Amino acid sequence: GKTEAYCLAVPYIRQGDYPETENYAHGVKKLYETLYQEVKEAGKPVIAMGHLQATGAEISENDSSERTIIGGLECVPPDAFAESIAYTALGHLHRTQRVSKRENVRYSGTPIPMSFAERNNKHGVIHVEIKENGTTEINHITFDAPVKLISIHKPVTEIFTEIETLPDGEITPASPFLEIKAEITEPEPTLKNQIEKALKNKSVRLTRIKQLTLQKEKNTKTITYEEFQTINPMDMALAVFKKRFGGESIPAKMKDLLQSVIREEDV
């Protein structure tokens, strides 16, 4: 067949997979330069592919499914891809975006959300048409995810009001996935059962429940073993409760239970 274009199909590059050089970024850049030199004289359009994090690219906030590069040590500069390359298709980051404002160097982004943190991203695919004269026409085709992701993040007292607004009916393959983040001020051991009961006739699929506590500024104090022995156990329990839940007092039932345990230890 007739060769119409060349593709530099470069996989994820690990340390040591590139020509010997001073660091990862320069090594990856050198690899792309070497590969491009092999095909550029043929006079055909060249498409580059890569699985990496480019300098200046925008990462998804609070997305644990997207590994970011610590300190930017492995970030690859955009000039690793020659200006004369027709199109550079990058993967690794999940949000569709141009790299350093270069129209022909892009992350296509994921076609569907990979986590709840990505539920509001614009998902789709990149359509690239390379013309005979070497110019490119690039369009982002957006579409909705086949299954909706719903996240309820409210104080625990408002969670059940939000649940009432969810669609009623049987669960089907098209039913939305649901995560619940409940802000609590004291332990809620029965919260999971309460939520599952409230969702019984709702057409949603519960994926997880996270109980969030108020985070206050850290105030770490170092004490000696002798000082530790003089601390009242109930005072220590109250300090831990305040730090974790942000409340000013321990619930009566929990306080009675703690006092019972303390009395048993004193006997």
Protein backbone atom coordinates (compact mmCIF):
# COMPACT_ATOMS: atom_id res chain seq x y z
CA GLY A 1 0.00 0.00 0.00
CA LYS A 2 0.88 3.66 -0.27
CA THR A 3 2.25 5.43 2.79
CA GLU A 4 0.20 8.56 3.49
CA ALA A 5 1.59 9.49 6.92
CA TYR A 6 3.88 8.35 9.71
CA CYS A 7 2.90 7.82 13.34
CA LEU A 8 5.39 7.98 16.21
CA ALA A 9 3.56 5.49 18.45
CA VAL A 10 5.50 6.11 21.67
CA PRO A 11 4.22 4.31 24.81
CA TYR A 12 4.70 5.44 28.40
CA ILE A 13 8.42 6.03 28.88
CA ARG A 14 9.98 4.74 32.08
CA GLN A 15 13.26 5.85 33.60
CA GLY A 16 16.03 4.41 31.45
CA ASP A 17 13.90 3.82 28.33
CA TYR A 18 15.32 6.91 26.64
CA PRO A 19 18.77 7.96 25.35
CA GLU A 20 21.29 8.69 28.10
CA THR A 21 20.93 12.30 29.22
CA GLU A 22 20.79 14.50 32.31
CA ASN A 23 17.14 13.94 33.31
CA TYR A 24 13.80 12.39 32.35
CA ALA A 25 12.38 15.41 30.49
CA HIS A 26 15.47 15.84 28.33
CA GLY A 27 15.60 12.09 27.70
CA VAL A 28 12.02 11.96 26.42
CA LYS A 29 12.61 15.05 24.30
CA LYS A 30 15.71 13.45 22.79
CA LEU A 31 13.75 10.27 22.00
CA TYR A 32 11.06 12.19 20.08
CA GLU A 33 13.71 14.18 18.22
CA THR A 34 15.50 10.98 17.21
CA LEU A 35 12.30 9.31 15.99
CA TYR A 36 11.22 12.40 14.08
CA GLN A 37 14.56 12.58 12.28
CA GLU A 38 13.92 9.05 10.96
CA VAL A 39 10.78 10.02 9.04
CA LYS A 40 10.74 13.76 8.39
CA GLU A 41 12.71 13.52 5.14
CA ALA A 42 9.98 11.39 3.58
CA GLY A 43 7.84 14.49 3.17
CA LYS A 44 4.76 12.86 4.66
CA PRO A 45 2.65 14.19 7.56
CA VAL A 46 3.83 12.96 10.94
CA ILE A 47 1.58 12.23 13.91
CA ALA A 48 3.16 11.84 17.36
CA MET A 49 1.62 9.99 20.28
CA GLY A 50 2.65 10.07 23.93
CA HIS A 51 1.66 8.98 27.42
CA LEU A 52 3.13 11.70 29.63
CA GLN A 53 2.52 14.89 31.56
CA ALA A 54 3.45 18.02 29.64
CA THR A 55 4.70 21.15 31.34
CA GLY A 56 1.86 23.62 31.91
CA ALA A 57 -0.91 21.07 31.44
CA GLU A 58 -3.93 21.33 33.73
CA ILE A 59 -4.62 18.40 36.04
CA SER A 60 -8.02 17.43 37.43
CA GLU A 61 -8.60 18.70 40.96
CA ASN A 62 -9.05 16.07 43.69
CA ASP A 63 -8.83 13.22 41.19
CA SER A 64 -7.05 10.23 42.66
CA SER A 65 -7.28 8.31 39.38
CA GLU A 66 -4.86 10.74 37.72
CA ARG A 67 -1.27 10.36 38.93
CA THR A 68 0.47 13.72 38.87
CA ILE A 69 4.20 14.14 38.68
CA ILE A 70 5.67 15.21 42.02
CA GLY A 71 7.49 18.52 41.78
CA GLY A 72 7.30 18.57 37.99
CA LEU A 73 10.43 16.41 37.78
CA GLU A 74 8.98 14.23 35.03
CA CYS A 75 7.07 16.93 33.15
CA VAL A 76 7.99 17.06 29.48
CA PRO A 77 8.29 20.51 27.81
CA PRO A 78 6.03 21.14 24.79
CA ASP A 79 9.04 21.86 22.58
CA ALA A 80 9.80 18.13 22.69
CA PHE A 81 7.33 17.94 19.80
CA ALA A 82 8.60 19.66 16.66
CA GLU A 83 6.44 22.46 15.24
CA SER A 84 6.37 20.62 11.91
CA ILE A 85 4.65 17.56 13.39
CA ALA A 86 1.10 17.64 12.02
CA TYR A 87 -0.57 16.57 15.25
CA THR A 88 0.57 15.37 18.68
CA ALA A 89 -1.97 13.21 20.54
CA LEU A 90 -1.24 12.94 24.25
CA GLY A 91 -2.69 10.76 26.97
CA HIS A 92 -2.30 10.49 30.76
CA LEU A 93 -4.22 13.59 31.86
CA HIS A 94 -7.99 13.17 31.78
CA ARG A 95 -9.12 16.70 30.89
CA THR A 96 -9.28 17.69 27.23
CA GLN A 97 -6.91 20.60 26.60
CA ARG A 98 -4.32 22.20 24.39
CA VAL A 99 -0.72 22.22 25.60
CA SER A 100 0.87 25.67 25.95
CA LYS A 101 -1.77 27.10 23.58
CA ARG A 102 -0.53 24.94 20.68
CA GLU A 103 -3.56 23.91 18.64
CA ASN A 104 -1.96 20.75 17.30
CA VAL A 105 -0.60 19.43 20.64
CA ARG A 106 -3.49 18.17 22.76
CA TYR A 107 -4.81 15.83 25.37
CA SER A 108 -8.03 14.36 24.04
CA GLY A 109 -9.24 13.69 27.58
CA THR A 110 -11.26 10.68 28.64
CA PRO A 111 -14.43 9.92 26.64
CA ILE A 112 -16.22 9.11 29.92
CA PRO A 113 -15.56 10.27 33.51
CA MET A 114 -13.05 8.02 35.29
CA SER A 115 -14.09 9.25 38.74
CA PHE A 116 -16.65 11.52 40.42
CA ALA A 117 -14.06 14.31 40.35
CA GLU A 118 -14.42 14.33 36.54
CA ARG A 119 -18.22 14.35 36.38
CA ASN A 120 -18.37 18.00 35.24
CA ASN A 121 -15.62 17.75 32.62
CA LYS A 122 -16.45 18.14 28.93
CA HIS A 123 -16.06 14.61 27.60
CA GLY A 124 -15.73 13.64 23.98
CA VAL A 125 -13.21 12.82 21.26
CA ILE A 126 -10.85 14.85 19.08
CA HIS A 127 -11.46 14.61 15.32
CA VAL A 128 -8.33 15.50 13.34
CA GLU A 129 -8.29 15.83 9.55
CA ILE A 130 -4.85 16.14 7.96
CA LYS A 131 -5.07 17.61 4.48
CA GLU A 132 -2.78 16.98 1.50
CA ASN A 133 -0.96 20.28 1.99
CA GLY A 134 -0.09 19.29 5.57
CA THR A 135 -2.57 21.57 7.33
CA THR A 136 -4.84 20.14 9.98
CA GLU A 137 -8.46 20.72 10.90
CA ILE A 138 -9.15 19.90 14.56
CA ASN A 139 -12.55 19.60 16.21
CA HIS A 140 -13.60 18.46 19.67
CA ILE A 141 -16.78 16.39 19.47
CA THR A 142 -18.49 16.46 22.86
CA PHE A 143 -21.14 14.10 24.18
CA ASP A 144 -22.78 13.19 27.46
CA ALA A 145 -21.64 10.17 29.44
CA PRO A 146 -23.97 7.18 28.96
CA VAL A 147 -24.42 6.96 32.74
CA LYS A 148 -24.75 10.08 34.89
CA LEU A 149 -22.68 10.59 38.05
CA ILE A 150 -24.40 12.29 40.99
CA SER A 151 -22.53 13.58 44.04
CA ILE A 152 -24.34 14.79 47.16
CA HIS A 153 -22.09 16.78 49.49
CA LYS A 154 -24.09 18.20 52.38
CA PRO A 155 -24.22 18.35 56.18
CA VAL A 156 -25.69 15.10 57.48
CA THR A 157 -28.91 16.93 58.47
CA GLU A 158 -29.54 17.84 54.80
CA ILE A 159 -28.55 14.56 53.15
CA PHE A 160 -32.00 12.97 53.34
CA THR A 161 -33.71 16.05 51.88
CA GLU A 162 -31.41 15.74 48.87
CA ILE A 163 -32.12 12.02 48.57
CA GLU A 164 -35.85 12.77 48.28
CA THR A 165 -35.17 14.71 45.06
CA LEU A 166 -33.53 11.72 43.34
CA PRO A 167 -35.52 9.87 40.63
CA ASP A 168 -37.89 7.14 41.77
CA GLY A 169 -38.09 3.72 40.13
CA GLU A 170 -36.23 0.48 39.60
CA ILE A 171 -32.49 0.30 39.09
CA THR A 172 -31.48 -0.24 35.45
CA PRO A 173 -28.15 -0.23 33.56
CA ALA A 174 -28.81 3.45 32.80
CA SER A 175 -29.43 4.44 36.44
CA PRO A 176 -27.01 7.11 37.71
CA PHE A 177 -24.13 6.26 40.01
CA LEU A 178 -24.30 8.07 43.36
CA GLU A 179 -21.71 9.10 45.91
CA ILE A 180 -22.62 10.74 49.21
CA LYS A 181 -20.30 12.96 51.25
CA ALA A 182 -21.88 13.63 54.62
CA GLU A 183 -20.44 16.33 56.87
CA ILE A 184 -20.72 15.09 60.47
CA THR A 185 -20.09 16.70 63.87
CA GLU A 186 -20.24 13.46 65.85
CA PRO A 187 -19.98 9.73 65.11
CA GLU A 188 -22.85 8.40 62.96
CA PRO A 189 -22.60 4.58 63.20
CA THR A 190 -26.06 4.02 61.68
CA LEU A 191 -25.70 6.51 58.82
CA LYS A 192 -24.99 3.86 56.17
CA ASN A 193 -28.14 1.91 57.06
CA GLN A 194 -30.24 5.08 57.13
CA ILE A 195 -29.03 6.12 53.69
CA GLU A 196 -29.55 2.68 52.16
CA LYS A 197 -33.08 2.63 53.55
CA ALA A 198 -33.84 6.10 52.13
CA LEU A 199 -32.57 4.97 48.70
CA LYS A 200 -34.68 1.81 48.63
CA ASN A 201 -37.10 3.02 45.94
CA LYS A 202 -34.71 5.36 44.13
CA SER A 203 -33.38 4.64 40.64
CA VAL A 204 -29.73 5.27 41.53
CA ARG A 205 -26.75 3.03 42.25
CA LEU A 206 -24.94 3.92 45.47
CA THR A 207 -21.16 3.61 45.10
CA ARG A 208 -19.83 4.98 48.37
CA ILE A 209 -20.58 7.00 51.49
CA LYS A 210 -17.88 9.24 52.93
CA GLN A 211 -18.25 10.79 56.37
CA LEU A 212 -16.39 14.10 56.48
CA THR A 213 -15.38 15.82 59.69
CA LEU A 214 -14.49 19.45 60.28
CA GLN A 215 -10.76 19.93 59.90
CA LYS A 216 -9.28 22.51 62.20
CA GLU A 217 -5.78 23.95 62.22
CA LYS A 218 -3.19 21.60 63.62
CA ASN A 219 -1.96 22.54 67.07
CA THR A 220 0.55 19.86 67.98
CA LYS A 221 1.97 19.86 71.49
CA THR A 222 4.69 17.52 72.70
CA ILE A 223 4.30 16.18 76.25
CA THR A 224 6.43 13.92 78.41
CA TYR A 225 5.36 10.50 79.67
CA GLU A 226 5.04 11.94 83.18
CA GLU A 227 2.70 14.67 81.91
CA PHE A 228 0.72 12.08 79.95
CA GLN A 229 0.07 10.12 83.16
CA THR A 230 -1.52 13.18 84.81
CA ILE A 231 -4.07 13.82 82.03
CA ASN A 232 -7.67 13.05 82.89
CA PRO A 233 -8.92 10.33 80.46
CA MET A 234 -12.19 12.18 79.87
CA ASP A 235 -10.31 15.38 79.03
CA MET A 236 -8.19 13.43 76.55
CA ALA A 237 -11.29 11.92 74.95
CA LEU A 238 -12.86 15.38 74.64
CA ALA A 239 -9.71 16.77 72.99
CA VAL A 240 -9.69 13.94 70.43
CA PHE A 241 -13.43 14.41 69.77
CA LYS A 242 -13.00 18.17 69.18
CA LYS A 243 -10.08 17.58 66.83
CA ARG A 244 -11.90 14.98 64.75
CA PHE A 245 -15.50 16.21 64.74
CA GLY A 246 -15.22 19.90 65.63
CA GLY A 247 -17.88 19.66 68.33
CA GLU A 248 -17.62 21.27 71.75
CA SER A 249 -18.95 18.34 73.78
CA ILE A 250 -19.16 14.56 73.54
CA PRO A 251 -22.70 13.16 73.04
CA ALA A 252 -24.25 12.02 76.32
CA LYS A 253 -24.46 8.32 75.38
CA MET A 254 -20.82 8.22 74.33
CA LYS A 255 -19.77 10.11 77.46
CA ASP A 256 -21.60 7.62 79.70
CA LEU A 257 -19.90 4.72 77.90
CA LEU A 258 -16.47 6.30 78.29
CA GLN A 259 -17.04 6.97 81.98
CA SER A 260 -18.07 3.34 82.44
CA VAL A 261 -14.84 2.15 80.80
CA ILE A 262 -12.74 4.56 82.87
CA ARG A 263 -14.34 3.34 86.10
CA GLU A 264 -13.61 -0.28 85.15
CA GLU A 265 -9.96 0.58 84.52
CA ASP A 266 -9.70 2.31 87.90
CA VAL A 267 -11.00 -0.73 89.79
